[in-house]
Amino acid sequence: VKPRFSAFFGTQLDLVLRRMGVGTVVLTG
């Protein structure tokens, strides 16, 4: 759940992606 426009703003997305070894994001929506 994001509080603003960006999926990274105020969320743990960056932390989770780095823990998973993800270096690329594919955006839809």
mmCIF file of all heavy atoms, coordinates in Angstrom:
data_MODEL
# 
_entry.id   MODEL 
# 
loop_
_atom_site.group_PDB 
_atom_site.id 
_atom_site.type_symbol 
_atom_site.label_atom_id 
_atom_site.label_alt_id 
_atom_site.label_comp_id 
_atom_site.label_asym_id 
_atom_site.label_entity_id 
_atom_site.label_seq_id 
_atom_site.pdbx_PDB_ins_code 
_atom_site.Cartn_x 
_atom_site.Cartn_y 
_atom_site.Cartn_z 
_atom_site.occupancy 
_atom_site.B_iso_or_equiv 
_atom_site.pdbx_formal_charge 
_atom_site.auth_seq_id 
_atom_site.auth_comp_id 
_atom_site.auth_asym_id 
_atom_site.auth_atom_id 
_atom_site.pdbx_PDB_model_num 
ATOM 1   N N   . VAL A 1 1  ? 0.857  -1.183  0.000   1.00 0.00 ? 1  VAL A N   1 
ATOM 2   C CA  . VAL A 1 1  ? 0.000  0.000   0.000   1.00 0.00 ? 1  VAL A CA  1 
ATOM 3   C C   . VAL A 1 1  ? 0.898  1.239   0.000   1.00 0.00 ? 1  VAL A C   1 
ATOM 4   O O   . VAL A 1 1  ? 1.775  1.373   0.855   1.00 0.00 ? 1  VAL A O   1 
ATOM 5   C CB  . VAL A 1 1  ? -0.923 0.020   1.230   1.00 0.00 ? 1  VAL A CB  1 
ATOM 6   C CG1 . VAL A 1 1  ? -1.773 1.291   1.230   1.00 0.00 ? 1  VAL A CG1 1 
ATOM 7   C CG2 . VAL A 1 1  ? -1.818 -1.215  1.255   1.00 0.00 ? 1  VAL A CG2 1 
ATOM 8   N N   . LYS A 1 2  ? 0.679  2.114   -0.961  1.00 0.00 ? 2  LYS A N   1 
ATOM 9   C CA  . LYS A 1 2  ? 1.489  3.333   -1.044  1.00 0.00 ? 2  LYS A CA  1 
ATOM 10  C C   . LYS A 1 2  ? 0.653  4.552   -0.655  1.00 0.00 ? 2  LYS A C   1 
ATOM 11  O O   . LYS A 1 2  ? -0.533 4.627   -0.980  1.00 0.00 ? 2  LYS A O   1 
ATOM 12  C CB  . LYS A 1 2  ? 2.074  3.510   -2.451  1.00 0.00 ? 2  LYS A CB  1 
ATOM 13  C CG  . LYS A 1 2  ? 1.052  3.706   -3.559  1.00 0.00 ? 2  LYS A CG  1 
ATOM 14  C CD  . LYS A 1 2  ? 1.757  3.809   -4.902  1.00 0.00 ? 2  LYS A CD  1 
ATOM 15  C CE  . LYS A 1 2  ? 0.781  3.863   -6.068  1.00 0.00 ? 2  LYS A CE  1 
ATOM 16  N NZ  . LYS A 1 2  ? -0.003 5.085   -6.151  1.00 0.00 ? 2  LYS A NZ  1 
ATOM 17  N N   . PRO A 1 3  ? 1.253  5.520   0.030   1.00 0.00 ? 3  PRO A N   1 
ATOM 18  C CA  . PRO A 1 3  ? 0.499  6.688   0.472   1.00 0.00 ? 3  PRO A CA  1 
ATOM 19  C C   . PRO A 1 3  ? 0.446  7.824   -0.541  1.00 0.00 ? 3  PRO A C   1 
ATOM 20  O O   . PRO A 1 3  ? -0.310 8.774   -0.364  1.00 0.00 ? 3  PRO A O   1 
ATOM 21  C CB  . PRO A 1 3  ? 1.255  7.130   1.728   1.00 0.00 ? 3  PRO A CB  1 
ATOM 22  C CG  . PRO A 1 3  ? 2.676  6.758   1.437   1.00 0.00 ? 3  PRO A CG  1 
ATOM 23  C CD  . PRO A 1 3  ? 2.601  5.477   0.655   1.00 0.00 ? 3  PRO A CD  1 
ATOM 24  N N   . ARG A 1 4  ? 1.275  7.754   -1.579  1.00 0.00 ? 4  ARG A N   1 
ATOM 25  C CA  . ARG A 1 4  ? 1.332  8.827   -2.567  1.00 0.00 ? 4  ARG A CA  1 
ATOM 26  C C   . ARG A 1 4  ? 1.506  8.210   -3.956  1.00 0.00 ? 4  ARG A C   1 
ATOM 27  O O   . ARG A 1 4  ? 1.303  7.040   -4.150  1.00 0.00 ? 4  ARG A O   1 
ATOM 28  C CB  . ARG A 1 4  ? 2.467  9.805   -2.235  1.00 0.00 ? 4  ARG A CB  1 
ATOM 29  C CG  . ARG A 1 4  ? 2.162  10.700  -1.029  1.00 0.00 ? 4  ARG A CG  1 
ATOM 30  C CD  . ARG A 1 4  ? 1.002  11.638  -1.320  1.00 0.00 ? 4  ARG A CD  1 
ATOM 31  N NE  . ARG A 1 4  ? 0.708  12.564  -0.233  1.00 0.00 ? 4  ARG A NE  1 
ATOM 32  C CZ  . ARG A 1 4  ? -0.217 12.365  0.692   1.00 0.00 ? 4  ARG A CZ  1 
ATOM 33  N NH1 . ARG A 1 4  ? -0.919 11.235  0.693   1.00 0.00 ? 4  ARG A NH1 1 
ATOM 34  N NH2 . ARG A 1 4  ? -0.455 13.274  1.621   1.00 0.00 ? 4  ARG A NH2 1 
ATOM 35  N N   . PHE A 1 5  ? 1.889  9.008   -4.936  1.00 0.00 ? 5  PHE A N   1 
ATOM 36  C CA  . PHE A 1 5  ? 1.933  8.526   -6.318  1.00 0.00 ? 5  PHE A CA  1 
ATOM 37  C C   . PHE A 1 5  ? 2.970  7.425   -6.531  1.00 0.00 ? 5  PHE A C   1 
ATOM 38  O O   . PHE A 1 5  ? 2.663  6.370   -7.081  1.00 0.00 ? 5  PHE A O   1 
ATOM 39  C CB  . PHE A 1 5  ? 2.217  9.692   -7.272  1.00 0.00 ? 5  PHE A CB  1 
ATOM 40  C CG  . PHE A 1 5  ? 1.155  10.764  -7.254  1.00 0.00 ? 5  PHE A CG  1 
ATOM 41  C CD1 . PHE A 1 5  ? 1.457  12.053  -6.846  1.00 0.00 ? 5  PHE A CD1 1 
ATOM 42  C CD2 . PHE A 1 5  ? -0.143 10.479  -7.638  1.00 0.00 ? 5  PHE A CD2 1 
ATOM 43  C CE1 . PHE A 1 5  ? 0.480  13.041  -6.831  1.00 0.00 ? 5  PHE A CE1 1 
ATOM 44  C CE2 . PHE A 1 5  ? -1.125 11.457  -7.627  1.00 0.00 ? 5  PHE A CE2 1 
ATOM 45  C CZ  . PHE A 1 5  ? -0.812 12.744  -7.223  1.00 0.00 ? 5  PHE A CZ  1 
ATOM 46  N N   . SER A 1 6  ? 4.216  7.660   -6.149  1.00 0.00 ? 6  SER A N   1 
ATOM 47  C CA  . SER A 1 6  ? 5.285  6.696   -6.408  1.00 0.00 ? 6  SER A CA  1 
ATOM 48  C C   . SER A 1 6  ? 5.158  5.446   -5.542  1.00 0.00 ? 6  SER A C   1 
ATOM 49  O O   . SER A 1 6  ? 4.851  5.527   -4.347  1.00 0.00 ? 6  SER A O   1 
ATOM 50  C CB  . SER A 1 6  ? 6.646  7.343   -6.152  1.00 0.00 ? 6  SER A CB  1 
ATOM 51  O OG  . SER A 1 6  ? 7.679  6.375   -6.210  1.00 0.00 ? 6  SER A OG  1 
ATOM 52  N N   . ALA A 1 7  ? 5.444  4.303   -6.142  1.00 0.00 ? 7  ALA A N   1 
ATOM 53  C CA  . ALA A 1 7  ? 5.436  3.038   -5.396  1.00 0.00 ? 7  ALA A CA  1 
ATOM 54  C C   . ALA A 1 7  ? 6.565  2.977   -4.370  1.00 0.00 ? 7  ALA A C   1 
ATOM 55  O O   . ALA A 1 7  ? 6.529  2.143   -3.454  1.00 0.00 ? 7  ALA A O   1 
ATOM 56  C CB  . ALA A 1 7  ? 5.565  1.868   -6.370  1.00 0.00 ? 7  ALA A CB  1 
ATOM 57  N N   . PHE A 1 8  ? 7.557  3.860   -4.506  1.00 0.00 ? 8  PHE A N   1 
ATOM 58  C CA  . PHE A 1 8  ? 8.688  3.860   -3.580  1.00 0.00 ? 8  PHE A CA  1 
ATOM 59  C C   . PHE A 1 8  ? 8.510  4.826   -2.413  1.00 0.00 ? 8  PHE A C   1 
ATOM 60  O O   . PHE A 1 8  ? 9.151  4.670   -1.378  1.00 0.00 ? 8  PHE A O   1 
ATOM 61  C CB  . PHE A 1 8  ? 9.979  4.232   -4.334  1.00 0.00 ? 8  PHE A CB  1 
ATOM 62  C CG  . PHE A 1 8  ? 10.464 3.155   -5.269  1.00 0.00 ? 8  PHE A CG  1 
ATOM 63  C CD1 . PHE A 1 8  ? 10.145 3.202   -6.616  1.00 0.00 ? 8  PHE A CD1 1 
ATOM 64  C CD2 . PHE A 1 8  ? 11.227 2.102   -4.808  1.00 0.00 ? 8  PHE A CD2 1 
ATOM 65  C CE1 . PHE A 1 8  ? 10.584 2.220   -7.493  1.00 0.00 ? 8  PHE A CE1 1 
ATOM 66  C CE2 . PHE A 1 8  ? 11.677 1.105   -5.667  1.00 0.00 ? 8  PHE A CE2 1 
ATOM 67  C CZ  . PHE A 1 8  ? 11.346 1.169   -7.022  1.00 0.00 ? 8  PHE A CZ  1 
ATOM 68  N N   . PHE A 1 9  ? 7.632  5.825   -2.578  1.00 0.00 ? 9  PHE A N   1 
ATOM 69  C CA  . PHE A 1 9  ? 7.491  6.866   -1.559  1.00 0.00 ? 9  PHE A CA  1 
ATOM 70  C C   . PHE A 1 9  ? 6.775  6.324   -0.324  1.00 0.00 ? 9  PHE A C   1 
ATOM 71  O O   . PHE A 1 9  ? 5.631  5.887   -0.385  1.00 0.00 ? 9  PHE A O   1 
ATOM 72  C CB  . PHE A 1 9  ? 6.704  8.052   -2.132  1.00 0.00 ? 9  PHE A CB  1 
ATOM 73  C CG  . PHE A 1 9  ? 6.588  9.211   -1.184  1.00 0.00 ? 9  PHE A CG  1 
ATOM 74  C CD1 . PHE A 1 9  ? 7.536  10.214  -1.180  1.00 0.00 ? 9  PHE A CD1 1 
ATOM 75  C CD2 . PHE A 1 9  ? 5.532  9.294   -0.279  1.00 0.00 ? 9  PHE A CD2 1 
ATOM 76  C CE1 . PHE A 1 9  ? 7.432  11.288  -0.305  1.00 0.00 ? 9  PHE A CE1 1 
ATOM 77  C CE2 . PHE A 1 9  ? 5.419  10.359  0.599   1.00 0.00 ? 9  PHE A CE2 1 
ATOM 78  C CZ  . PHE A 1 9  ? 6.374  11.354  0.592   1.00 0.00 ? 9  PHE A CZ  1 
ATOM 79  N N   . GLY A 1 10 ? 7.461  6.346   0.817   1.00 0.00 ? 10 GLY A N   1 
ATOM 80  C CA  . GLY A 1 10 ? 6.855  5.933   2.078   1.00 0.00 ? 10 GLY A CA  1 
ATOM 81  C C   . GLY A 1 10 ? 6.513  4.455   2.160   1.00 0.00 ? 10 GLY A C   1 
ATOM 82  O O   . GLY A 1 10 ? 5.658  4.069   2.961   1.00 0.00 ? 10 GLY A O   1 
ATOM 83  N N   . THR A 1 11 ? 7.187  3.617   1.348   1.00 0.00 ? 11 THR A N   1 
ATOM 84  C CA  . THR A 1 11 ? 6.928  2.169   1.390   1.00 0.00 ? 11 THR A CA  1 
ATOM 85  C C   . THR A 1 11 ? 8.248  1.421   1.606   1.00 0.00 ? 11 THR A C   1 
ATOM 86  O O   . THR A 1 11 ? 9.330  2.006   1.567   1.00 0.00 ? 11 THR A O   1 
ATOM 87  C CB  . THR A 1 11 ? 6.295  1.663   0.080   1.00 0.00 ? 11 THR A CB  1 
ATOM 88  O OG1 . THR A 1 11 ? 7.298  1.627   -0.961  1.00 0.00 ? 11 THR A OG1 1 
ATOM 89  C CG2 . THR A 1 11 ? 5.133  2.542   -0.359  1.00 0.00 ? 11 THR A CG2 1 
ATOM 90  N N   . GLN A 1 12 ? 8.150  0.112   1.760   1.00 0.00 ? 12 GLN A N   1 
ATOM 91  C CA  . GLN A 1 12 ? 9.338  -0.734  1.913   1.00 0.00 ? 12 GLN A CA  1 
ATOM 92  C C   . GLN A 1 12 ? 9.732  -1.408  0.599   1.00 0.00 ? 12 GLN A C   1 
ATOM 93  O O   . GLN A 1 12 ? 10.523 -2.345  0.588   1.00 0.00 ? 12 GLN A O   1 
ATOM 94  C CB  . GLN A 1 12 ? 9.077  -1.803  2.977   1.00 0.00 ? 12 GLN A CB  1 
ATOM 95  C CG  . GLN A 1 12 ? 8.940  -1.251  4.388   1.00 0.00 ? 12 GLN A CG  1 
ATOM 96  C CD  . GLN A 1 12 ? 8.849  -2.354  5.417   1.00 0.00 ? 12 GLN A CD  1 
ATOM 97  O OE1 . GLN A 1 12 ? 8.139  -3.334  5.238   1.00 0.00 ? 12 GLN A OE1 1 
ATOM 98  N NE2 . GLN A 1 12 ? 9.587  -2.201  6.508   1.00 0.00 ? 12 GLN A NE2 1 
ATOM 99  N N   . LEU A 1 13 ? 9.222  -0.898  -0.512  1.00 0.00 ? 13 LEU A N   1 
ATOM 100 C CA  . LEU A 1 13 ? 9.480  -1.557  -1.793  1.00 0.00 ? 13 LEU A CA  1 
ATOM 101 C C   . LEU A 1 13 ? 10.965 -1.669  -2.108  1.00 0.00 ? 13 LEU A C   1 
ATOM 102 O O   . LEU A 1 13 ? 11.446 -2.745  -2.484  1.00 0.00 ? 13 LEU A O   1 
ATOM 103 C CB  . LEU A 1 13 ? 8.755  -0.810  -2.920  1.00 0.00 ? 13 LEU A CB  1 
ATOM 104 C CG  . LEU A 1 13 ? 8.934  -1.395  -4.330  1.00 0.00 ? 13 LEU A CG  1 
ATOM 105 C CD1 . LEU A 1 13 ? 8.389  -2.815  -4.401  1.00 0.00 ? 13 LEU A CD1 1 
ATOM 106 C CD2 . LEU A 1 13 ? 8.260  -0.504  -5.372  1.00 0.00 ? 13 LEU A CD2 1 
ATOM 107 N N   . ASP A 1 14 ? 11.701 -0.590  -1.955  1.00 0.00 ? 14 ASP A N   1 
ATOM 108 C CA  . ASP A 1 14 ? 13.137 -0.627  -2.262  1.00 0.00 ? 14 ASP A CA  1 
ATOM 109 C C   . ASP A 1 14 ? 13.862 -1.653  -1.394  1.00 0.00 ? 14 ASP A C   1 
ATOM 110 O O   . ASP A 1 14 ? 14.673 -2.443  -1.897  1.00 0.00 ? 14 ASP A O   1 
ATOM 111 C CB  . ASP A 1 14 ? 13.740 0.763   -2.071  1.00 0.00 ? 14 ASP A CB  1 
ATOM 112 C CG  . ASP A 1 14 ? 15.221 0.817   -2.399  1.00 0.00 ? 14 ASP A CG  1 
ATOM 113 O OD1 . ASP A 1 14 ? 15.624 0.303   -3.462  1.00 0.00 ? 14 ASP A OD1 1 
ATOM 114 O OD2 . ASP A 1 14 ? 15.996 1.367   -1.592  1.00 0.00 ? 14 ASP A OD2 1 
ATOM 115 N N   . LEU A 1 15 ? 13.560 -1.663  -0.111  1.00 0.00 ? 15 LEU A N   1 
ATOM 116 C CA  . LEU A 1 15 ? 14.181 -2.625  0.806   1.00 0.00 ? 15 LEU A CA  1 
ATOM 117 C C   . LEU A 1 15 ? 13.890 -4.057  0.376   1.00 0.00 ? 15 LEU A C   1 
ATOM 118 O O   . LEU A 1 15 ? 14.793 -4.900  0.293   1.00 0.00 ? 15 LEU A O   1 
ATOM 119 C CB  . LEU A 1 15 ? 13.665 -2.392  2.230   1.00 0.00 ? 15 LEU A CB  1 
ATOM 120 C CG  . LEU A 1 15 ? 14.052 -3.451  3.279   1.00 0.00 ? 15 LEU A CG  1 
ATOM 121 C CD1 . LEU A 1 15 ? 15.548 -3.471  3.486   1.00 0.00 ? 15 LEU A CD1 1 
ATOM 122 C CD2 . LEU A 1 15 ? 13.328 -3.187  4.590   1.00 0.00 ? 15 LEU A CD2 1 
ATOM 123 N N   . VAL A 1 16 ? 12.631 -4.337  0.076   1.00 0.00 ? 16 VAL A N   1 
ATOM 124 C CA  . VAL A 1 16 ? 12.239 -5.702  -0.302  1.00 0.00 ? 16 VAL A CA  1 
ATOM 125 C C   . VAL A 1 16 ? 12.897 -6.121  -1.617  1.00 0.00 ? 16 VAL A C   1 
ATOM 126 O O   . VAL A 1 16 ? 13.414 -7.241  -1.745  1.00 0.00 ? 16 VAL A O   1 
ATOM 127 C CB  . VAL A 1 16 ? 10.704 -5.817  -0.398  1.00 0.00 ? 16 VAL A CB  1 
ATOM 128 C CG1 . VAL A 1 16 ? 10.297 -7.194  -0.913  1.00 0.00 ? 16 VAL A CG1 1 
ATOM 129 C CG2 . VAL A 1 16 ? 10.059 -5.560  0.964   1.00 0.00 ? 16 VAL A CG2 1 
ATOM 130 N N   . LEU A 1 17 ? 12.897 -5.222  -2.599  1.00 0.00 ? 17 LEU A N   1 
ATOM 131 C CA  . LEU A 1 17 ? 13.504 -5.557  -3.893  1.00 0.00 ? 17 LEU A CA  1 
ATOM 132 C C   . LEU A 1 17 ? 14.991 -5.858  -3.742  1.00 0.00 ? 17 LEU A C   1 
ATOM 133 O O   . LEU A 1 17 ? 15.510 -6.821  -4.319  1.00 0.00 ? 17 LEU A O   1 
ATOM 134 C CB  . LEU A 1 17 ? 13.300 -4.414  -4.882  1.00 0.00 ? 17 LEU A CB  1 
ATOM 135 C CG  . LEU A 1 17 ? 11.863 -4.136  -5.341  1.00 0.00 ? 17 LEU A CG  1 
ATOM 136 C CD1 . LEU A 1 17 ? 11.835 -2.961  -6.320  1.00 0.00 ? 17 LEU A CD1 1 
ATOM 137 C CD2 . LEU A 1 17 ? 11.233 -5.368  -5.986  1.00 0.00 ? 17 LEU A CD2 1 
ATOM 138 N N   . ARG A 1 18 ? 15.683 -5.049  -2.962  1.00 0.00 ? 18 ARG A N   1 
ATOM 139 C CA  . ARG A 1 18 ? 17.125 -5.277  -2.790  1.00 0.00 ? 18 ARG A CA  1 
ATOM 140 C C   . ARG A 1 18 ? 17.385 -6.582  -2.035  1.00 0.00 ? 18 ARG A C   1 
ATOM 141 O O   . ARG A 1 18 ? 18.335 -7.306  -2.356  1.00 0.00 ? 18 ARG A O   1 
ATOM 142 C CB  . ARG A 1 18 ? 17.764 -4.084  -2.078  1.00 0.00 ? 18 ARG A CB  1 
ATOM 143 C CG  . ARG A 1 18 ? 17.725 -2.817  -2.923  1.00 0.00 ? 18 ARG A CG  1 
ATOM 144 C CD  . ARG A 1 18 ? 18.556 -1.690  -2.348  1.00 0.00 ? 18 ARG A CD  1 
ATOM 145 N NE  . ARG A 1 18 ? 18.291 -0.445  -3.058  1.00 0.00 ? 18 ARG A NE  1 
ATOM 146 C CZ  . ARG A 1 18 ? 18.815 -0.122  -4.233  1.00 0.00 ? 18 ARG A CZ  1 
ATOM 147 N NH1 . ARG A 1 18 ? 19.629 -0.973  -4.839  1.00 0.00 ? 18 ARG A NH1 1 
ATOM 148 N NH2 . ARG A 1 18 ? 18.530 1.044   -4.806  1.00 0.00 ? 18 ARG A NH2 1 
ATOM 149 N N   . ARG A 1 19 ? 16.558 -6.898  -1.058  1.00 0.00 ? 19 ARG A N   1 
ATOM 150 C CA  . ARG A 1 19 ? 16.709 -8.165  -0.333  1.00 0.00 ? 19 ARG A CA  1 
ATOM 151 C C   . ARG A 1 19 ? 16.511 -9.350  -1.280  1.00 0.00 ? 19 ARG A C   1 
ATOM 152 O O   . ARG A 1 19 ? 17.105 -10.412 -1.103  1.00 0.00 ? 19 ARG A O   1 
ATOM 153 C CB  . ARG A 1 19 ? 15.688 -8.240  0.803   1.00 0.00 ? 19 ARG A CB  1 
ATOM 154 C CG  . ARG A 1 19 ? 16.005 -7.346  1.989   1.00 0.00 ? 19 ARG A CG  1 
ATOM 155 C CD  . ARG A 1 19 ? 16.944 -8.040  2.968   1.00 0.00 ? 19 ARG A CD  1 
ATOM 156 N NE  . ARG A 1 19 ? 17.260 -7.181  4.102   1.00 0.00 ? 19 ARG A NE  1 
ATOM 157 C CZ  . ARG A 1 19 ? 16.558 -7.154  5.240   1.00 0.00 ? 19 ARG A CZ  1 
ATOM 158 N NH1 . ARG A 1 19 ? 15.471 -7.903  5.360   1.00 0.00 ? 19 ARG A NH1 1 
ATOM 159 N NH2 . ARG A 1 19 ? 16.920 -6.366  6.228   1.00 0.00 ? 19 ARG A NH2 1 
ATOM 160 N N   . MET A 1 20 ? 15.656 -9.161  -2.287  1.00 0.00 ? 20 MET A N   1 
ATOM 161 C CA  . MET A 1 20 ? 15.364 -10.228 -3.242  1.00 0.00 ? 20 MET A CA  1 
ATOM 162 C C   . MET A 1 20 ? 16.369 -10.283 -4.389  1.00 0.00 ? 20 MET A C   1 
ATOM 163 O O   . MET A 1 20 ? 16.300 -11.177 -5.232  1.00 0.00 ? 20 MET A O   1 
ATOM 164 C CB  . MET A 1 20 ? 13.954 -10.039 -3.812  1.00 0.00 ? 20 MET A CB  1 
ATOM 165 C CG  . MET A 1 20 ? 12.848 -10.153 -2.795  1.00 0.00 ? 20 MET A CG  1 
ATOM 166 S SD  . MET A 1 20 ? 11.228 -9.788  -3.533  1.00 0.00 ? 20 MET A SD  1 
ATOM 167 C CE  . MET A 1 20 ? 11.015 -11.230 -4.588  1.00 0.00 ? 20 MET A CE  1 
ATOM 168 N N   . GLY A 1 21 ? 17.293 -9.340  -4.435  1.00 0.00 ? 21 GLY A N   1 
ATOM 169 C CA  . GLY A 1 21 ? 18.267 -9.302  -5.521  1.00 0.00 ? 21 GLY A CA  1 
ATOM 170 C C   . GLY A 1 21 ? 17.697 -8.798  -6.828  1.00 0.00 ? 21 GLY A C   1 
ATOM 171 O O   . GLY A 1 21 ? 18.208 -9.115  -7.904  1.00 0.00 ? 21 GLY A O   1 
ATOM 172 N N   . VAL A 1 22 ? 16.646 -7.999  -6.737  1.00 0.00 ? 22 VAL A N   1 
ATOM 173 C CA  . VAL A 1 22 ? 16.000 -7.448  -7.931  1.00 0.00 ? 22 VAL A CA  1 
ATOM 174 C C   . VAL A 1 22 ? 16.680 -6.147  -8.341  1.00 0.00 ? 22 VAL A C   1 
ATOM 175 O O   . VAL A 1 22 ? 16.876 -5.257  -7.520  1.00 0.00 ? 22 VAL A O   1 
ATOM 176 C CB  . VAL A 1 22 ? 14.493 -7.201  -7.666  1.00 0.00 ? 22 VAL A CB  1 
ATOM 177 C CG1 . VAL A 1 22 ? 13.880 -6.357  -8.781  1.00 0.00 ? 22 VAL A CG1 1 
ATOM 178 C CG2 . VAL A 1 22 ? 13.761 -8.520  -7.529  1.00 0.00 ? 22 VAL A CG2 1 
ATOM 179 N N   . GLY A 1 23 ? 17.024 -6.044  -9.631  1.00 0.00 ? 23 GLY A N   1 
ATOM 180 C CA  . GLY A 1 23 ? 17.651 -4.837  -10.140 1.00 0.00 ? 23 GLY A CA  1 
ATOM 181 C C   . GLY A 1 23 ? 16.877 -4.156  -11.250 1.00 0.00 ? 23 GLY A C   1 
ATOM 182 O O   . GLY A 1 23 ? 17.311 -3.140  -11.783 1.00 0.00 ? 23 GLY A O   1 
ATOM 183 N N   . THR A 1 24 ? 15.722 -4.732  -11.594 1.00 0.00 ? 24 THR A N   1 
ATOM 184 C CA  . THR A 1 24 ? 14.899 -4.209  -12.689 1.00 0.00 ? 24 THR A CA  1 
ATOM 185 C C   . THR A 1 24 ? 13.442 -4.214  -12.273 1.00 0.00 ? 24 THR A C   1 
ATOM 186 O O   . THR A 1 24 ? 12.973 -5.175  -11.647 1.00 0.00 ? 24 THR A O   1 
ATOM 187 C CB  . THR A 1 24 ? 15.061 -5.076  -13.950 1.00 0.00 ? 24 THR A CB  1 
ATOM 188 O OG1 . THR A 1 24 ? 16.432 -5.076  -14.360 1.00 0.00 ? 24 THR A OG1 1 
ATOM 189 C CG2 . THR A 1 24 ? 14.185 -4.576  -15.098 1.00 0.00 ? 24 THR A CG2 1 
ATOM 190 N N   . VAL A 1 25 ? 12.706 -3.156  -12.625 1.00 0.00 ? 25 VAL A N   1 
ATOM 191 C CA  . VAL A 1 25 ? 11.269 -3.136  -12.379 1.00 0.00 ? 25 VAL A CA  1 
ATOM 192 C C   . VAL A 1 25 ? 10.536 -2.963  -13.702 1.00 0.00 ? 25 VAL A C   1 
ATOM 193 O O   . VAL A 1 25 ? 10.950 -2.170  -14.564 1.00 0.00 ? 25 VAL A O   1 
ATOM 194 C CB  . VAL A 1 25 ? 10.861 -2.017  -11.383 1.00 0.00 ? 25 VAL A CB  1 
ATOM 195 C CG1 . VAL A 1 25 ? 11.363 -2.341  -9.988  1.00 0.00 ? 25 VAL A CG1 1 
ATOM 196 C CG2 . VAL A 1 25 ? 11.366 -0.657  -11.825 1.00 0.00 ? 25 VAL A CG2 1 
ATOM 197 N N   . VAL A 1 26 ? 9.457  -3.716  -13.845 1.00 0.00 ? 26 VAL A N   1 
ATOM 198 C CA  . VAL A 1 26 ? 8.591  -3.639  -15.018 1.00 0.00 ? 26 VAL A CA  1 
ATOM 199 C C   . VAL A 1 26 ? 7.286  -2.997  -14.564 1.00 0.00 ? 26 VAL A C   1 
ATOM 200 O O   . VAL A 1 26 ? 6.600  -3.539  -13.682 1.00 0.00 ? 26 VAL A O   1 
ATOM 201 C CB  . VAL A 1 26 ? 8.325  -5.034  -15.606 1.00 0.00 ? 26 VAL A CB  1 
ATOM 202 C CG1 . VAL A 1 26 ? 7.434  -4.936  -16.840 1.00 0.00 ? 26 VAL A CG1 1 
ATOM 203 C CG2 . VAL A 1 26 ? 9.639  -5.736  -15.946 1.00 0.00 ? 26 VAL A CG2 1 
ATOM 204 N N   . LEU A 1 27 ? 6.943  -1.859  -15.148 1.00 0.00 ? 27 LEU A N   1 
ATOM 205 C CA  . LEU A 1 27 ? 5.805  -1.083  -14.665 1.00 0.00 ? 27 LEU A CA  1 
ATOM 206 C C   . LEU A 1 27 ? 4.585  -1.220  -15.565 1.00 0.00 ? 27 LEU A C   1 
ATOM 207 O O   . LEU A 1 27 ? 4.674  -1.058  -16.783 1.00 0.00 ? 27 LEU A O   1 
ATOM 208 C CB  . LEU A 1 27 ? 6.180  0.392   -14.537 1.00 0.00 ? 27 LEU A CB  1 
ATOM 209 C CG  . LEU A 1 27 ? 7.440  0.716   -13.719 1.00 0.00 ? 27 LEU A CG  1 
ATOM 210 C CD1 . LEU A 1 27 ? 7.598  2.230   -13.594 1.00 0.00 ? 27 LEU A CD1 1 
ATOM 211 C CD2 . LEU A 1 27 ? 7.402  0.062   -12.351 1.00 0.00 ? 27 LEU A CD2 1 
ATOM 212 N N   . THR A 1 28 ? 3.440  -1.485  -14.930 1.00 0.00 ? 28 THR A N   1 
ATOM 213 C CA  . THR A 1 28 ? 2.147  -1.497  -15.599 1.00 0.00 ? 28 THR A CA  1 
ATOM 214 C C   . THR A 1 28 ? 1.142  -0.828  -14.673 1.00 0.00 ? 28 THR A C   1 
ATOM 215 O O   . THR A 1 28 ? 1.377  -0.707  -13.475 1.00 0.00 ? 28 THR A O   1 
ATOM 216 C CB  . THR A 1 28 ? 1.668  -2.932  -15.899 1.00 0.00 ? 28 THR A CB  1 
ATOM 217 O OG1 . THR A 1 28 ? 1.421  -3.629  -14.657 1.00 0.00 ? 28 THR A OG1 1 
ATOM 218 C CG2 . THR A 1 28 ? 2.695  -3.714  -16.703 1.00 0.00 ? 28 THR A CG2 1 
ATOM 219 N N   . GLY A 1 29 ? 0.008  -0.378  -15.231 1.00 0.00 ? 29 GLY A N   1 
ATOM 220 C CA  . GLY A 1 29 ? -1.043 0.178   -14.384 1.00 0.00 ? 29 GLY A CA  1 
ATOM 221 C C   . GLY A 1 29 ? -1.401 1.605   -14.758 1.00 0.00 ? 29 GLY A C   1 
ATOM 222 O O   . GLY A 1 29 ? -1.257 2.032   -15.897 1.00 0.00 ? 29 GLY A O   1 
# 
